[in-house]
Amino acid sequence: LLEIIEQHVRLVFEISQDVRMDAPIALEFLLQLLVPLDVATRGFIDGNKRYAEQRARAEGLADRDKFRTALVNSLQEGFFVADHDGSVVEMNNAFIEILGFPNEGLPYKWPHPWLVDTTTAAEQIRRVIAQGRADYETPIRHADGHLAWVKVSINAVEFLDRVRSEERRVGKEC
């Protein structure tokens, strides 16, 4: 950049017949040439700064997600997360052990393969939608085929959907 400016000044002095008249015009010309470089440089610097901020935020979310996953897996009770369509999108190790259905099958779409009484399960989901929670006992079918009775407690958590969509948005930006 300095070499360009130096060559420009040298050329102006060499070909100019009246430097007092030509110098301001030459300076304006030089500045107009340098504007796109300045814009591109600022855009590059600002873009890198935004990228670094978003990357740091994504890493913070990843650390929080690792902690949350470890906490949920430490629970002795089965735990799952379902999306707004009722598909099970996440489950802890205790839930896997109780049902025998692995993480590799996620998401488990509604009606879930372990449900024996889908009518009661659908009624309870309607209760969760209306009241925000439901508690009931129901039989389930383990992946190996045997029946077991479980106590189910479901709570609606709307905030989790917003956090997940924010994590996906930040992840896409990074």
C-alpha atoms as a PDB file:
ATOM      1  CA  LEU A   1       0.000   0.000   0.000  1.00  0.00           C
ATOM      2  CA  LEU A   2       2.820   2.389   0.859  1.00  0.00           C
ATOM      3  CA  GLU A   3       4.521   1.510  -2.408  1.00  0.00           C
ATOM      4  CA  ILE A   4       1.354   2.389  -4.345  1.00  0.00           C
ATOM      5  CA  ILE A   5       1.168   5.765  -2.610  1.00  0.00           C
ATOM      6  CA  GLU A   6       4.877   6.401  -3.163  1.00  0.00           C
ATOM      7  CA  GLN A   7       4.621   5.576  -6.889  1.00  0.00           C
ATOM      8  CA  HIS A   8       1.532   7.751  -7.198  1.00  0.00           C
ATOM      9  CA  VAL A   9       3.262  10.775  -5.640  1.00  0.00           C
ATOM     10  CA  ARG A  10       6.382  10.231  -7.759  1.00  0.00           C
ATOM     11  CA  LEU A  11       4.255  10.028 -10.931  1.00  0.00           C
ATOM     12  CA  VAL A  12       2.327  13.188 -10.012  1.00  0.00           C
ATOM     13  CA  PHE A  13       5.598  15.102  -9.533  1.00  0.00           C
ATOM     14  CA  GLU A  14       7.056  13.768 -12.775  1.00  0.00           C
ATOM     15  CA  ILE A  15       4.170  14.493 -15.122  1.00  0.00           C
ATOM     16  CA  SER A  16       2.629  17.495 -13.412  1.00  0.00           C
ATOM     17  CA  GLN A  17       3.127  20.861 -15.052  1.00  0.00           C
ATOM     18  CA  ASP A  18       1.749  22.740 -12.019  1.00  0.00           C
ATOM     19  CA  VAL A  19       1.868  20.696  -8.795  1.00  0.00           C
ATOM     20  CA  ARG A  20      -0.328  23.203  -6.967  1.00  0.00           C
ATOM     21  CA  MET A  21      -3.144  22.504  -9.436  1.00  0.00           C
ATOM     22  CA  ASP A  22      -2.544  18.799 -10.032  1.00  0.00           C
ATOM     23  CA  ALA A  23      -1.772  17.666  -6.450  1.00  0.00           C
ATOM     24  CA  PRO A  24      -5.318  18.082  -5.047  1.00  0.00           C
ATOM     25  CA  ILE A  25      -6.791  16.251  -8.055  1.00  0.00           C
ATOM     26  CA  ALA A  26      -4.204  13.488  -7.738  1.00  0.00           C
ATOM     27  CA  LEU A  27      -4.872  13.179  -4.006  1.00  0.00           C
ATOM     28  CA  GLU A  28      -8.616  12.914  -4.593  1.00  0.00           C
ATOM     29  CA  PHE A  29      -8.004  10.256  -7.239  1.00  0.00           C
ATOM     30  CA  LEU A  30      -5.758   8.299  -4.848  1.00  0.00           C
ATOM     31  CA  LEU A  31      -8.291   8.483  -2.028  1.00  0.00           C
ATOM     32  CA  GLN A  32     -11.077   7.278  -4.328  1.00  0.00           C
ATOM     33  CA  LEU A  33      -8.904   4.326  -5.301  1.00  0.00           C
ATOM     34  CA  LEU A  34      -8.212   3.502  -1.657  1.00  0.00           C
ATOM     35  CA  VAL A  35     -11.871   3.666  -0.521  1.00  0.00           C
ATOM     36  CA  PRO A  36     -12.754   0.137  -1.751  1.00  0.00           C
ATOM     37  CA  LEU A  37      -9.671  -1.209   0.001  1.00  0.00           C
ATOM     38  CA  ASP A  38     -10.700   0.536   3.217  1.00  0.00           C
ATOM     39  CA  VAL A  39     -14.274  -0.801   2.948  1.00  0.00           C
ATOM     40  CA  ALA A  40     -13.071  -4.329   2.226  1.00  0.00           C
ATOM     41  CA  THR A  41     -10.560  -4.214   5.077  1.00  0.00           C
ATOM     42  CA  ARG A  42     -13.127  -2.940   7.570  1.00  0.00           C
ATOM     43  CA  GLY A  43     -15.617  -5.558   6.396  1.00  0.00           C
ATOM     44  CA  PHE A  44     -13.005  -8.278   6.777  1.00  0.00           C
ATOM     45  CA  ILE A  45     -12.043  -7.106  10.269  1.00  0.00           C
ATOM     46  CA  ASP A  46     -15.682  -6.733  11.358  1.00  0.00           C
ATOM     47  CA  GLY A  47     -16.549 -10.147   9.903  1.00  0.00           C
ATOM     48  CA  ASN A  48     -13.670 -11.785  11.759  1.00  0.00           C
ATOM     49  CA  LYS A  49     -14.724 -10.074  14.979  1.00  0.00           C
ATOM     50  CA  ARG A  50     -18.347 -11.282  14.585  1.00  0.00           C
ATOM     51  CA  TYR A  51     -17.133 -14.784  13.752  1.00  0.00           C
ATOM     52  CA  ALA A  52     -14.925 -14.866  16.873  1.00  0.00           C
ATOM     53  CA  GLU A  53     -17.817 -13.672  19.047  1.00  0.00           C
ATOM     54  CA  GLN A  54     -20.239 -16.238  17.609  1.00  0.00           C
ATOM     55  CA  ARG A  55     -17.633 -19.001  17.859  1.00  0.00           C
ATOM     56  CA  ALA A  56     -17.010 -18.170  21.528  1.00  0.00           C
ATOM     57  CA  ARG A  57     -20.743 -18.202  22.145  1.00  0.00           C
ATOM     58  CA  ALA A  58     -21.151 -21.557  20.382  1.00  0.00           C
ATOM     59  CA  GLU A  59     -18.319 -23.032  22.436  1.00  0.00           C
ATOM     60  CA  GLY A  60     -19.986 -21.726  25.602  1.00  0.00           C
ATOM     61  CA  LEU A  61     -23.242 -23.369  24.546  1.00  0.00           C
ATOM     62  CA  ALA A  62     -21.396 -26.604  23.799  1.00  0.00           C
ATOM     63  CA  ASP A  63     -19.831 -26.596  27.270  1.00  0.00           C
ATOM     64  CA  ARG A  64     -23.228 -25.924  28.829  1.00  0.00           C
ATOM     65  CA  ASP A  65     -24.727 -28.730  26.741  1.00  0.00           C
ATOM     66  CA  LYS A  66     -22.007 -31.167  27.891  1.00  0.00           C
ATOM     67  CA  PHE A  67     -22.728 -30.255  31.523  1.00  0.00           C
ATOM     68  CA  ARG A  68     -26.496 -30.620  31.025  1.00  0.00           C
ATOM     69  CA  THR A  69     -26.043 -33.998  29.317  1.00  0.00           C
ATOM     70  CA  ALA A  70     -23.808 -35.237  32.134  1.00  0.00           C
ATOM     71  CA  LEU A  71     -26.326 -34.022  34.712  1.00  0.00           C
ATOM     72  CA  VAL A  72     -29.284 -35.667  32.953  1.00  0.00           C
ATOM     73  CA  ASN A  73     -27.371 -38.938  32.513  1.00  0.00           C
ATOM     74  CA  SER A  74     -26.563 -38.955  36.229  1.00  0.00           C
ATOM     75  CA  LEU A  75     -30.280 -39.206  37.030  1.00  0.00           C
ATOM     76  CA  GLN A  76     -31.484 -42.650  38.076  1.00  0.00           C
ATOM     77  CA  GLU A  77     -34.943 -41.941  36.666  1.00  0.00           C
ATOM     78  CA  GLY A  78     -35.633 -42.206  32.981  1.00  0.00           C
ATOM     79  CA  PHE A  79     -35.663 -38.798  31.319  1.00  0.00           C
ATOM     80  CA  PHE A  80     -36.586 -37.772  27.792  1.00  0.00           C
ATOM     81  CA  VAL A  81     -37.142 -34.635  25.761  1.00  0.00           C
ATOM     82  CA  ALA A  82     -39.874 -34.525  23.135  1.00  0.00           C
ATOM     83  CA  ASP A  83     -40.398 -31.850  20.512  1.00  0.00           C
ATOM     84  CA  HIS A  84     -43.676 -30.064  19.780  1.00  0.00           C
ATOM     85  CA  ASP A  85     -44.792 -32.983  17.555  1.00  0.00           C
ATOM     86  CA  GLY A  86     -44.328 -35.496  20.378  1.00  0.00           C
ATOM     87  CA  SER A  87     -41.202 -37.089  18.880  1.00  0.00           C
ATOM     88  CA  VAL A  88     -38.657 -38.140  21.493  1.00  0.00           C
ATOM     89  CA  VAL A  89     -35.478 -36.311  20.470  1.00  0.00           C
ATOM     90  CA  GLU A  90     -33.292 -36.957  23.511  1.00  0.00           C
ATOM     91  CA  MET A  91     -33.194 -39.487  26.336  1.00  0.00           C
ATOM     92  CA  ASN A  92     -30.854 -40.337  29.177  1.00  0.00           C
ATOM     93  CA  ASN A  93     -29.149 -43.653  29.918  1.00  0.00           C
ATOM     94  CA  ALA A  94     -31.747 -44.661  32.533  1.00  0.00           C
ATOM     95  CA  PHE A  95     -34.550 -44.190  29.996  1.00  0.00           C
ATOM     96  CA  ILE A  96     -32.635 -46.315  27.487  1.00  0.00           C
ATOM     97  CA  GLU A  97     -32.149 -49.017  30.114  1.00  0.00           C
ATOM     98  CA  ILE A  98     -35.841 -48.991  31.116  1.00  0.00           C
ATOM     99  CA  LEU A  99     -37.114 -49.204  27.521  1.00  0.00           C
ATOM    100  CA  GLY A 100     -34.291 -50.968  25.726  1.00  0.00           C
ATOM    101  CA  PHE A 101     -34.526 -48.552  22.783  1.00  0.00           C
ATOM    102  CA  PRO A 102     -31.138 -47.001  21.917  1.00  0.00           C
ATOM    103  CA  ASN A 103     -30.151 -43.398  21.145  1.00  0.00           C
ATOM    104  CA  GLU A 104     -29.354 -44.480  17.591  1.00  0.00           C
ATOM    105  CA  GLY A 105     -33.087 -44.706  16.858  1.00  0.00           C
ATOM    106  CA  LEU A 106     -33.729 -41.040  17.684  1.00  0.00           C
ATOM    107  CA  PRO A 107     -35.999 -39.355  17.008  1.00  0.00           C
ATOM    108  CA  TYR A 108     -38.740 -41.761  18.033  1.00  0.00           C
ATOM    109  CA  LYS A 109     -41.855 -40.392  16.348  1.00  0.00           C
ATOM    110  CA  TRP A 110     -45.337 -40.459  17.880  1.00  0.00           C
ATOM    111  CA  PRO A 111     -46.772 -42.980  18.616  1.00  0.00           C
ATOM    112  CA  HIS A 112     -43.637 -44.244  20.342  1.00  0.00           C
ATOM    113  CA  PRO A 113     -42.754 -47.892  19.726  1.00  0.00           C
ATOM    114  CA  TRP A 114     -42.856 -48.724  23.453  1.00  0.00           C
ATOM    115  CA  LEU A 115     -46.437 -47.523  23.973  1.00  0.00           C
ATOM    116  CA  VAL A 116     -49.007 -50.218  24.734  1.00  0.00           C
ATOM    117  CA  ASP A 117     -51.989 -47.944  25.434  1.00  0.00           C
ATOM    118  CA  THR A 118     -51.794 -45.131  22.869  1.00  0.00           C
ATOM    119  CA  THR A 119     -55.288 -43.865  23.776  1.00  0.00           C
ATOM    120  CA  THR A 120     -54.307 -43.117  27.380  1.00  0.00           C
ATOM    121  CA  ALA A 121     -50.971 -41.680  26.260  1.00  0.00           C
ATOM    122  CA  ALA A 122     -52.754 -39.332  23.824  1.00  0.00           C
ATOM    123  CA  GLU A 123     -55.154 -38.224  26.603  1.00  0.00           C
ATOM    124  CA  GLN A 124     -52.189 -37.465  28.856  1.00  0.00           C
ATOM    125  CA  ILE A 125     -50.495 -35.453  26.116  1.00  0.00           C
ATOM    126  CA  ARG A 126     -53.683 -33.408  25.725  1.00  0.00           C
ATOM    127  CA  ARG A 127     -53.543 -32.810  29.489  1.00  0.00           C
ATOM    128  CA  VAL A 128     -49.924 -31.633  29.198  1.00  0.00           C
ATOM    129  CA  ILE A 129     -50.918 -29.232  26.413  1.00  0.00           C
ATOM    130  CA  ALA A 130     -53.869 -27.883  28.436  1.00  0.00           C
ATOM    131  CA  GLN A 131     -52.383 -27.885  31.956  1.00  0.00           C
ATOM    132  CA  GLY A 132     -48.617 -28.001  31.404  1.00  0.00           C
ATOM    133  CA  ARG A 133     -48.117 -31.359  33.123  1.00  0.00           C
ATOM    134  CA  ALA A 134     -49.426 -34.913  33.600  1.00  0.00           C
ATOM    135  CA  ASP A 135     -48.677 -37.805  35.988  1.00  0.00           C
ATOM    136  CA  TYR A 136     -49.940 -41.333  35.364  1.00  0.00           C
ATOM    137  CA  GLU A 137     -49.029 -45.032  35.377  1.00  0.00           C
ATOM    138  CA  THR A 138     -49.049 -47.079  32.195  1.00  0.00           C
ATOM    139  CA  PRO A 139     -47.690 -50.309  30.756  1.00  0.00           C
ATOM    140  CA  ILE A 140     -44.855 -50.095  28.239  1.00  0.00           C
ATOM    141  CA  ARG A 141     -43.327 -52.706  25.985  1.00  0.00           C
ATOM    142  CA  HIS A 142     -39.564 -53.118  26.354  1.00  0.00           C
ATOM    143  CA  ALA A 143     -37.569 -53.475  23.125  1.00  0.00           C
ATOM    144  CA  ASP A 144     -37.097 -57.189  23.923  1.00  0.00           C
ATOM    145  CA  GLY A 145     -40.904 -57.613  24.071  1.00  0.00           C
ATOM    146  CA  HIS A 146     -41.650 -57.928  27.801  1.00  0.00           C
ATOM    147  CA  LEU A 147     -44.227 -55.677  29.484  1.00  0.00           C
ATOM    148  CA  ALA A 148     -43.391 -53.382  32.369  1.00  0.00           C
ATOM    149  CA  TRP A 149     -45.356 -50.791  34.329  1.00  0.00           C
ATOM    150  CA  VAL A 150     -43.920 -47.300  34.651  1.00  0.00           C
ATOM    151  CA  LYS A 151     -44.925 -44.100  36.401  1.00  0.00           C
ATOM    152  CA  VAL A 152     -44.782 -41.203  33.958  1.00  0.00           C
ATOM    153  CA  SER A 153     -44.432 -37.551  34.856  1.00  0.00           C
ATOM    154  CA  ILE A 154     -44.445 -35.120  31.917  1.00  0.00           C
ATOM    155  CA  ASN A 155     -43.913 -31.370  32.058  1.00  0.00           C
ATOM    156  CA  ALA A 156     -44.176 -28.918  29.181  1.00  0.00           C
ATOM    157  CA  VAL A 157     -41.088 -26.744  28.882  1.00  0.00           C
ATOM    158  CA  GLU A 158     -41.403 -24.128  26.165  1.00  0.00           C
ATOM    159  CA  PHE A 159     -38.100 -22.408  26.968  1.00  0.00           C
ATOM    160  CA  LEU A 160     -36.111 -25.458  25.860  1.00  0.00           C
ATOM    161  CA  ASP A 161     -37.380 -25.100  22.274  1.00  0.00           C
ATOM    162  CA  ARG A 162     -36.141 -21.505  22.169  1.00  0.00           C
ATOM    163  CA  VAL A 163     -32.723 -22.530  23.532  1.00  0.00           C
ATOM    164  CA  ARG A 164     -32.401 -25.327  20.965  1.00  0.00           C
ATOM    165  CA  SER A 165     -33.325 -23.046  18.066  1.00  0.00           C
ATOM    166  CA  GLU A 166     -30.812 -20.464  19.331  1.00  0.00           C
ATOM    167  CA  GLU A 167     -28.117 -23.152  19.541  1.00  0.00           C
ATOM    168  CA  ARG A 168     -28.884 -24.262  15.977  1.00  0.00           C
ATOM    169  CA  ARG A 169     -28.827 -20.644  14.743  1.00  0.00           C
ATOM    170  CA  VAL A 170     -25.509 -19.923  16.423  1.00  0.00           C
ATOM    171  CA  GLY A 171     -24.063 -23.225  15.183  1.00  0.00           C
ATOM    172  CA  LYS A 172     -25.069 -22.387  11.598  1.00  0.00           C
ATOM    173  CA  GLU A 173     -23.456 -18.946  11.837  1.00  0.00           C
ATOM    174  CA  CYS A 174     -20.208 -20.500  12.993  1.00  0.00           C
END
